Amino acid sequence: MKKYISILTVSLAMVSLTSCDKDTEGLTDITYYPVLEMAGPVYDQAVAGQPFADPGCTATLNGEDVTDQIEVISSLNFSSPTPGYYPVVYSVTNSDGFSATATRYVLVSDANDPVSGYYTVNTDSYRDYNGIVYFGGYPLRVVGDGTGKYAISDLLGGWYEYRAGYGTSYALTGNVSIDADGNITLIDSFLQGWGDSANDITDGKFDAATNTITWIVSYTDYPFLFKVNASKNQ
């Protein structure tokens, strides 16, 4: 029995060594990871139909400039962008196949669209459920498609995504229509984390004079009422 165990141990060691050799075949002893550094803002804006001047990105690998190896991946039409929200991904891969990426986000809107943009939720926003709790300071994004329809990043103003810390899956994303007088009507919505949606929006308004957007959203059957008031970033 002891002899059998010894032979088995040696055999396993040989298999282990062979496996390690195959796993590391073709790899260098030391690998250096690319380092990317974007110029300009992470959250950028562009005007539809006008060329977008990408601020660019630089890359180094073990102290060497490898900017010319950057691959840019995006559905954004840089020469003539259309309304929407686009990630621009910069990527570099080293000789061992390890990649590094950096991402810029570009919000494209029509030149005559006063609504689209990046907003900050004001601190007079609140949730009304068994008492009012005020909140604010969270980022909000409103993106028009050029037809009066707008995608809002979180109809709850960041209550679950940021305040509760649940992450992006708990943002109540929504599509609304905004007429020439600034009145807001809910089209549809969805909260991925719980698989449900808003009941309705009331008192929705965009005020062009103050660059603020407000609404009250009813959410769940309890219901929870959220008043969101946000100011457009200048």
C-alpha atoms as a PDB file:
ATOM      1  CA  MET A   1       0.000   0.000   0.000  1.00  0.00           C
ATOM      2  CA  LYS A   2       2.812   2.424   0.868  1.00  0.00           C
ATOM      3  CA  LYS A   3       4.501   1.716  -2.471  1.00  0.00           C
ATOM      4  CA  TYR A   4       1.279   2.471  -4.306  1.00  0.00           C
ATOM      5  CA  ILE A   5       0.860   5.763  -2.518  1.00  0.00           C
ATOM      6  CA  SER A   6       4.436   6.823  -3.300  1.00  0.00           C
ATOM      7  CA  ILE A   7       4.021   6.060  -7.003  1.00  0.00           C
ATOM      8  CA  LEU A   8       0.732   7.958  -7.066  1.00  0.00           C
ATOM      9  CA  THR A   9       2.311  10.983  -5.403  1.00  0.00           C
ATOM     10  CA  VAL A  10       5.156  11.075  -7.920  1.00  0.00           C
ATOM     11  CA  SER A  11       2.702  10.729 -10.797  1.00  0.00           C
ATOM     12  CA  LEU A  12       0.565  13.624  -9.556  1.00  0.00           C
ATOM     13  CA  ALA A  13       3.659  15.799  -9.160  1.00  0.00           C
ATOM     14  CA  MET A  14       4.653  15.087 -12.766  1.00  0.00           C
ATOM     15  CA  VAL A  15       1.141  15.950 -13.985  1.00  0.00           C
ATOM     16  CA  SER A  16       1.219  19.151 -11.952  1.00  0.00           C
ATOM     17  CA  LEU A  17       4.589  20.186 -13.388  1.00  0.00           C
ATOM     18  CA  THR A  18       3.470  19.371 -16.921  1.00  0.00           C
ATOM     19  CA  SER A  19       0.253  21.370 -16.418  1.00  0.00           C
ATOM     20  CA  CYS A  20       2.156  24.393 -15.113  1.00  0.00           C
ATOM     21  CA  ASP A  21       4.525  24.263 -18.075  1.00  0.00           C
ATOM     22  CA  LYS A  22       1.624  24.284 -20.523  1.00  0.00           C
ATOM     23  CA  ASP A  23      -0.215  27.071 -18.664  1.00  0.00           C
ATOM     24  CA  THR A  24       2.805  29.380 -18.794  1.00  0.00           C
ATOM     25  CA  GLU A  25       3.967  28.446 -22.276  1.00  0.00           C
ATOM     26  CA  GLY A  26       4.567  31.538 -24.402  1.00  0.00           C
ATOM     27  CA  LEU A  27       4.343  33.976 -21.444  1.00  0.00           C
ATOM     28  CA  THR A  28       7.253  36.175 -20.370  1.00  0.00           C
ATOM     29  CA  ASP A  29       8.614  35.933 -16.814  1.00  0.00           C
ATOM     30  CA  ILE A  30       7.443  39.498 -16.061  1.00  0.00           C
ATOM     31  CA  THR A  31       4.482  41.244 -17.652  1.00  0.00           C
ATOM     32  CA  TYR A  32       4.005  45.004 -17.664  1.00  0.00           C
ATOM     33  CA  TYR A  33       0.494  46.380 -17.848  1.00  0.00           C
ATOM     34  CA  PRO A  34      -0.411  49.358 -20.050  1.00  0.00           C
ATOM     35  CA  VAL A  35      -1.308  52.590 -18.273  1.00  0.00           C
ATOM     36  CA  LEU A  36      -3.880  54.849 -19.931  1.00  0.00           C
ATOM     37  CA  GLU A  37      -4.475  58.516 -19.172  1.00  0.00           C
ATOM     38  CA  MET A  38      -7.349  60.417 -20.775  1.00  0.00           C
ATOM     39  CA  ALA A  39      -7.143  64.112 -21.590  1.00  0.00           C
ATOM     40  CA  GLY A  40     -10.260  66.206 -21.077  1.00  0.00           C
ATOM     41  CA  PRO A  41     -13.421  65.309 -19.153  1.00  0.00           C
ATOM     42  CA  VAL A  42     -14.706  61.794 -18.532  1.00  0.00           C
ATOM     43  CA  TYR A  43     -18.251  63.067 -19.168  1.00  0.00           C
ATOM     44  CA  ASP A  44     -18.173  65.176 -22.309  1.00  0.00           C
ATOM     45  CA  GLN A  45     -20.755  66.813 -24.566  1.00  0.00           C
ATOM     46  CA  ALA A  46     -21.084  67.381 -28.298  1.00  0.00           C
ATOM     47  CA  VAL A  47     -23.479  69.129 -30.667  1.00  0.00           C
ATOM     48  CA  ALA A  48     -25.312  66.983 -33.200  1.00  0.00           C
ATOM     49  CA  GLY A  49     -24.061  67.427 -36.753  1.00  0.00           C
ATOM     50  CA  GLN A  50     -20.848  69.141 -35.669  1.00  0.00           C
ATOM     51  CA  PRO A  51     -17.524  67.255 -35.545  1.00  0.00           C
ATOM     52  CA  PHE A  52     -16.555  66.064 -32.086  1.00  0.00           C
ATOM     53  CA  ALA A  53     -12.919  66.802 -31.265  1.00  0.00           C
ATOM     54  CA  ASP A  54     -11.877  63.864 -29.116  1.00  0.00           C
ATOM     55  CA  PRO A  55      -9.545  65.172 -26.370  1.00  0.00           C
ATOM     56  CA  GLY A  56      -7.650  61.915 -26.769  1.00  0.00           C
ATOM     57  CA  CYS A  57      -5.776  59.520 -24.551  1.00  0.00           C
ATOM     58  CA  THR A  58      -2.134  58.565 -23.980  1.00  0.00           C
ATOM     59  CA  ALA A  59      -0.679  55.189 -23.065  1.00  0.00           C
ATOM     60  CA  THR A  60       2.599  53.985 -21.594  1.00  0.00           C
ATOM     61  CA  LEU A  61       3.988  50.483 -21.142  1.00  0.00           C
ATOM     62  CA  ASN A  62       6.962  49.997 -18.804  1.00  0.00           C
ATOM     63  CA  GLY A  63       7.850  53.673 -19.272  1.00  0.00           C
ATOM     64  CA  GLU A  64       7.554  53.552 -23.067  1.00  0.00           C
ATOM     65  CA  ASP A  65       5.041  55.664 -24.974  1.00  0.00           C
ATOM     66  CA  VAL A  66       2.652  53.297 -26.782  1.00  0.00           C
ATOM     67  CA  THR A  67      -0.076  55.832 -27.574  1.00  0.00           C
ATOM     68  CA  ASP A  68       0.034  54.773 -31.228  1.00  0.00           C
ATOM     69  CA  GLN A  69      -1.180  51.300 -30.146  1.00  0.00           C
ATOM     70  CA  ILE A  70      -4.444  52.582 -28.660  1.00  0.00           C
ATOM     71  CA  GLU A  71      -7.584  51.135 -30.211  1.00  0.00           C
ATOM     72  CA  VAL A  72     -10.673  53.367 -30.003  1.00  0.00           C
ATOM     73  CA  ILE A  73     -14.023  51.589 -29.871  1.00  0.00           C
ATOM     74  CA  SER A  74     -17.286  53.539 -30.104  1.00  0.00           C
ATOM     75  CA  SER A  75     -20.515  53.785 -32.069  1.00  0.00           C
ATOM     76  CA  LEU A  76     -20.168  57.585 -31.982  1.00  0.00           C
ATOM     77  CA  ASN A  77     -19.840  59.197 -35.411  1.00  0.00           C
ATOM     78  CA  PHE A  78     -17.026  61.637 -34.622  1.00  0.00           C
ATOM     79  CA  SER A  79     -17.434  63.659 -37.832  1.00  0.00           C
ATOM     80  CA  SER A  80     -21.223  64.071 -37.642  1.00  0.00           C
ATOM     81  CA  PRO A  81     -22.639  62.796 -34.328  1.00  0.00           C
ATOM     82  CA  THR A  82     -26.337  62.153 -33.838  1.00  0.00           C
ATOM     83  CA  PRO A  83     -28.261  62.744 -30.565  1.00  0.00           C
ATOM     84  CA  GLY A  84     -27.589  60.085 -27.932  1.00  0.00           C
ATOM     85  CA  TYR A  85     -25.226  58.965 -25.216  1.00  0.00           C
ATOM     86  CA  TYR A  86     -22.060  57.182 -26.322  1.00  0.00           C
ATOM     87  CA  PRO A  87     -19.187  55.460 -24.498  1.00  0.00           C
ATOM     88  CA  VAL A  88     -15.779  55.911 -26.154  1.00  0.00           C
ATOM     89  CA  VAL A  89     -13.445  53.100 -25.069  1.00  0.00           C
ATOM     90  CA  TYR A  90      -9.657  53.376 -25.387  1.00  0.00           C
ATOM     91  CA  SER A  91      -7.832  50.055 -25.187  1.00  0.00           C
ATOM     92  CA  VAL A  92      -4.228  48.821 -25.288  1.00  0.00           C
ATOM     93  CA  THR A  93      -3.081  45.176 -25.105  1.00  0.00           C
ATOM     94  CA  ASN A  94       0.443  44.095 -24.133  1.00  0.00           C
ATOM     95  CA  SER A  95       2.433  41.265 -25.724  1.00  0.00           C
ATOM     96  CA  ASP A  96       1.095  38.754 -23.166  1.00  0.00           C
ATOM     97  CA  GLY A  97      -2.499  39.554 -24.055  1.00  0.00           C
ATOM     98  CA  PHE A  98      -3.360  41.674 -21.013  1.00  0.00           C
ATOM     99  CA  SER A  99      -5.434  44.781 -21.757  1.00  0.00           C
ATOM    100  CA  ALA A 100      -6.075  48.104 -20.077  1.00  0.00           C
ATOM    101  CA  THR A 101      -9.030  50.335 -20.930  1.00  0.00           C
ATOM    102  CA  ALA A 102     -10.317  53.828 -20.198  1.00  0.00           C
ATOM    103  CA  THR A 103     -13.775  55.141 -21.070  1.00  0.00           C
ATOM    104  CA  ARG A 104     -15.152  58.562 -21.919  1.00  0.00           C
ATOM    105  CA  TYR A 105     -18.905  59.217 -22.138  1.00  0.00           C
ATOM    106  CA  VAL A 106     -20.183  61.681 -24.728  1.00  0.00           C
ATOM    107  CA  LEU A 107     -23.673  63.172 -24.585  1.00  0.00           C
ATOM    108  CA  VAL A 108     -24.744  64.464 -28.004  1.00  0.00           C
ATOM    109  CA  SER A 109     -27.700  66.857 -28.315  1.00  0.00           C
ATOM    110  CA  ASP A 110     -29.212  69.183 -30.899  1.00  0.00           C
ATOM    111  CA  ALA A 111     -27.938  72.766 -30.772  1.00  0.00           C
ATOM    112  CA  ASN A 112     -31.472  74.033 -30.044  1.00  0.00           C
ATOM    113  CA  ASP A 113     -32.228  71.447 -27.343  1.00  0.00           C
ATOM    114  CA  PRO A 114     -32.135  73.145 -23.906  1.00  0.00           C
ATOM    115  CA  VAL A 115     -33.092  70.024 -21.935  1.00  0.00           C
ATOM    116  CA  SER A 116     -30.404  67.443 -22.724  1.00  0.00           C
ATOM    117  CA  GLY A 117     -27.395  67.490 -20.452  1.00  0.00           C
ATOM    118  CA  TYR A 118     -25.810  66.508 -17.165  1.00  0.00           C
ATOM    119  CA  TYR A 119     -27.692  67.521 -14.021  1.00  0.00           C
ATOM    120  CA  THR A 120     -27.205  67.484 -10.246  1.00  0.00           C
ATOM    121  CA  VAL A 121     -30.114  66.520  -8.001  1.00  0.00           C
ATOM    122  CA  ASN A 122     -30.928  69.394  -5.636  1.00  0.00           C
ATOM    123  CA  THR A 123     -31.128  68.853  -1.884  1.00  0.00           C
ATOM    124  CA  ASP A 124     -34.814  69.827  -1.732  1.00  0.00           C
ATOM    125  CA  SER A 125     -35.659  66.547  -3.483  1.00  0.00           C
ATOM    126  CA  TYR A 126     -37.376  64.047  -1.214  1.00  0.00           C
ATOM    127  CA  ARG A 127     -39.012  60.666  -0.773  1.00  0.00           C
ATOM    128  CA  ASP A 128     -42.457  60.692   0.822  1.00  0.00           C
ATOM    129  CA  TYR A 129     -43.260  57.348   2.480  1.00  0.00           C
ATOM    130  CA  ASN A 130     -44.334  57.334   6.131  1.00  0.00           C
ATOM    131  CA  GLY A 131     -42.654  60.722   6.373  1.00  0.00           C
ATOM    132  CA  ILE A 132     -40.532  62.923   4.136  1.00  0.00           C
ATOM    133  CA  VAL A 133     -36.793  62.292   3.786  1.00  0.00           C
ATOM    134  CA  TYR A 134     -34.763  64.856   1.827  1.00  0.00           C
ATOM    135  CA  PHE A 135     -31.821  63.934  -0.374  1.00  0.00           C
ATOM    136  CA  GLY A 136     -29.719  65.330  -3.211  1.00  0.00           C
ATOM    137  CA  GLY A 137     -26.270  65.890  -4.639  1.00  0.00           C
ATOM    138  CA  TYR A 138     -26.387  62.938  -7.026  1.00  0.00           C
ATOM    139  CA  PRO A 139     -25.696  63.042 -10.787  1.00  0.00           C
ATOM    140  CA  LEU A 140     -28.532  62.765 -13.282  1.00  0.00           C
ATOM    141  CA  ARG A 141     -28.437  62.485 -17.062  1.00  0.00           C
ATOM    142  CA  VAL A 142     -31.125  63.590 -19.537  1.00  0.00           C
ATOM    143  CA  VAL A 143     -30.581  62.639 -23.185  1.00  0.00           C
ATOM    144  CA  GLY A 144     -32.875  63.666 -26.038  1.00  0.00           C
ATOM    145  CA  ASP A 145     -33.179  61.849 -29.360  1.00  0.00           C
ATOM    146  CA  GLY A 146     -34.113  64.954 -31.356  1.00  0.00           C
ATOM    147  CA  THR A 147     -37.851  64.147 -31.477  1.00  0.00           C
ATOM    148  CA  GLY A 148     -38.986  65.405 -28.056  1.00  0.00           C
ATOM    149  CA  LYS A 149     -38.331  62.056 -26.391  1.00  0.00           C
ATOM    150  CA  TYR A 150     -35.787  61.936 -23.550  1.00  0.00           C
ATOM    151  CA  ALA A 151     -34.043  59.145 -21.651  1.00  0.00           C
ATOM    152  CA  ILE A 152     -33.556  59.917 -17.952  1.00  0.00           C
ATOM    153  CA  SER A 153     -30.872  57.976 -16.096  1.00  0.00           C
ATOM    154  CA  ASP A 154     -32.849  57.662 -12.841  1.00  0.00           C
ATOM    155  CA  LEU A 155     -36.399  58.841 -12.217  1.00  0.00           C
ATOM    156  CA  LEU A 156     -35.765  58.295  -8.481  1.00  0.00           C
ATOM    157  CA  GLY A 157     -32.928  60.823  -8.500  1.00  0.00           C
ATOM    158  CA  GLY A 158     -30.286  58.399  -7.220  1.00  0.00           C
ATOM    159  CA  TRP A 159     -32.211  57.215  -4.131  1.00  0.00           C
ATOM    160  CA  TYR A 160     -31.320  53.539  -4.496  1.00  0.00           C
ATOM    161  CA  GLU A 161     -28.342  53.769  -6.868  1.00  0.00           C
ATOM    162  CA  TYR A 162     -26.324  56.274  -4.810  1.00  0.00           C
ATOM    163  CA  ARG A 163     -28.034  56.975  -1.489  1.00  0.00           C
ATOM    164  CA  ALA A 164     -28.615  53.300  -0.668  1.00  0.00           C
ATOM    165  CA  GLY A 165     -25.456  52.247  -2.547  1.00  0.00           C
ATOM    166  CA  TYR A 166     -27.173  49.484  -4.521  1.00  0.00           C
ATOM    167  CA  GLY A 167     -25.532  50.454  -7.826  1.00  0.00           C
ATOM    168  CA  THR A 168     -26.711  51.139 -11.362  1.00  0.00           C
ATOM    169  CA  SER A 169     -29.053  48.138 -11.546  1.00  0.00           C
ATOM    170  CA  TYR A 170     -31.283  49.947  -9.028  1.00  0.00           C
ATOM    171  CA  ALA A 171     -31.679  53.158 -11.008  1.00  0.00           C
ATOM    172  CA  LEU A 172     -35.226  53.594 -12.327  1.00  0.00           C
ATOM    173  CA  THR A 173     -34.384  54.424 -15.935  1.00  0.00           C
ATOM    174  CA  GLY A 174     -37.163  56.033 -17.916  1.00  0.00           C
ATOM    175  CA  ASN A 175     -38.243  57.569 -21.193  1.00  0.00           C
ATOM    176  CA  VAL A 176     -40.359  60.702 -21.181  1.00  0.00           C
ATOM    177  CA  SER A 177     -41.710  63.197 -23.682  1.00  0.00           C
ATOM    178  CA  ILE A 178     -41.219  66.934 -23.083  1.00  0.00           C
ATOM    179  CA  ASP A 179     -43.365  69.367 -25.057  1.00  0.00           C
ATOM    180  CA  ALA A 180     -42.584  72.931 -26.152  1.00  0.00           C
ATOM    181  CA  ASP A 181     -43.946  74.281 -22.850  1.00  0.00           C
ATOM    182  CA  GLY A 182     -41.669  71.999 -20.828  1.00  0.00           C
ATOM    183  CA  ASN A 183     -44.407  69.618 -19.654  1.00  0.00           C
ATOM    184  CA  ILE A 184     -43.158  66.088 -18.961  1.00  0.00           C
ATOM    185  CA  THR A 185     -45.112  62.907 -19.703  1.00  0.00           C
ATOM    186  CA  LEU A 186     -43.935  59.408 -18.787  1.00  0.00           C
ATOM    187  CA  ILE A 187     -43.583  56.961 -21.695  1.00  0.00           C
ATOM    188  CA  ASP A 188     -42.049  53.950 -19.937  1.00  0.00           C
ATOM    189  CA  SER A 189     -39.613  53.006 -17.189  1.00  0.00           C
ATOM    190  CA  PHE A 190     -37.753  50.039 -15.748  1.00  0.00           C
ATOM    191  CA  LEU A 191     -35.782  49.200 -12.599  1.00  0.00           C
ATOM    192  CA  GLN A 192     -33.623  46.187 -13.464  1.00  0.00           C
ATOM    193  CA  GLY A 193     -32.766  45.173  -9.893  1.00  0.00           C
ATOM    194  CA  TRP A 194     -36.369  44.492  -8.938  1.00  0.00           C
ATOM    195  CA  GLY A 195     -37.842  44.058 -12.382  1.00  0.00           C
ATOM    196  CA  ASP A 196     -40.576  46.678 -11.946  1.00  0.00           C
ATOM    197  CA  SER A 197     -41.462  50.185 -13.134  1.00  0.00           C
ATOM    198  CA  ALA A 198     -42.983  53.507 -12.115  1.00  0.00           C
ATOM    199  CA  ASN A 199     -46.728  53.991 -11.817  1.00  0.00           C
ATOM    200  CA  ASP A 200     -46.816  57.515 -13.198  1.00  0.00           C
ATOM    201  CA  ILE A 201     -45.221  60.951 -13.267  1.00  0.00           C
ATOM    202  CA  THR A 202     -47.066  64.094 -12.171  1.00  0.00           C
ATOM    203  CA  ASP A 203     -46.104  67.774 -12.029  1.00  0.00           C
ATOM    204  CA  GLY A 204     -43.263  67.169 -14.487  1.00  0.00           C
ATOM    205  CA  LYS A 205     -41.700  70.368 -15.797  1.00  0.00           C
ATOM    206  CA  PHE A 206     -38.541  71.653 -17.442  1.00  0.00           C
ATOM    207  CA  ASP A 207     -37.920  75.339 -16.695  1.00  0.00           C
ATOM    208  CA  ALA A 208     -35.728  76.839 -19.412  1.00  0.00           C
ATOM    209  CA  ALA A 209     -35.273  80.085 -17.445  1.00  0.00           C
ATOM    210  CA  THR A 210     -33.592  78.331 -14.522  1.00  0.00           C
ATOM    211  CA  ASN A 211     -32.325  75.210 -16.327  1.00  0.00           C
ATOM    212  CA  THR A 212     -34.069  72.982 -13.790  1.00  0.00           C
ATOM    213  CA  ILE A 213     -36.160  69.872 -14.264  1.00  0.00           C
ATOM    214  CA  THR A 214     -38.682  68.545 -11.733  1.00  0.00           C
ATOM    215  CA  TRP A 215     -41.223  65.756 -11.391  1.00  0.00           C
ATOM    216  CA  ILE A 216     -43.034  63.612  -8.860  1.00  0.00           C
ATOM    217  CA  VAL A 217     -42.916  59.885  -9.554  1.00  0.00           C
ATOM    218  CA  SER A 218     -45.161  57.281  -7.959  1.00  0.00           C
ATOM    219  CA  TYR A 219     -43.320  53.996  -7.493  1.00  0.00           C
ATOM    220  CA  THR A 220     -44.674  50.595  -6.285  1.00  0.00           C
ATOM    221  CA  ASP A 221     -48.135  49.815  -4.919  1.00  0.00           C
ATOM    222  CA  TYR A 222     -47.472  51.234  -1.421  1.00  0.00           C
ATOM    223  CA  PRO A 223     -46.832  53.837  -2.996  1.00  0.00           C
ATOM    224  CA  PHE A 224     -43.525  55.614  -2.611  1.00  0.00           C
ATOM    225  CA  LEU A 225     -43.590  59.206  -3.900  1.00  0.00           C
ATOM    226  CA  PHE A 226     -40.344  60.796  -5.016  1.00  0.00           C
ATOM    227  CA  LYS A 227     -40.055  64.472  -5.848  1.00  0.00           C
ATOM    228  CA  VAL A 228     -36.937  65.057  -7.924  1.00  0.00           C
ATOM    229  CA  ASN A 229     -35.642  68.559  -8.595  1.00  0.00           C
ATOM    230  CA  ALA A 230     -32.376  68.844 -10.526  1.00  0.00           C
ATOM    231  CA  SER A 231     -30.300  71.682 -11.966  1.00  0.00           C
ATOM    232  CA  LYS A 232     -28.428  71.450 -15.226  1.00  0.00           C
ATOM    233  CA  ASN A 233     -24.632  71.594 -14.894  1.00  0.00           C
ATOM    234  CA  GLN A 234     -23.164  74.645 -16.612  1.00  0.00           C
END
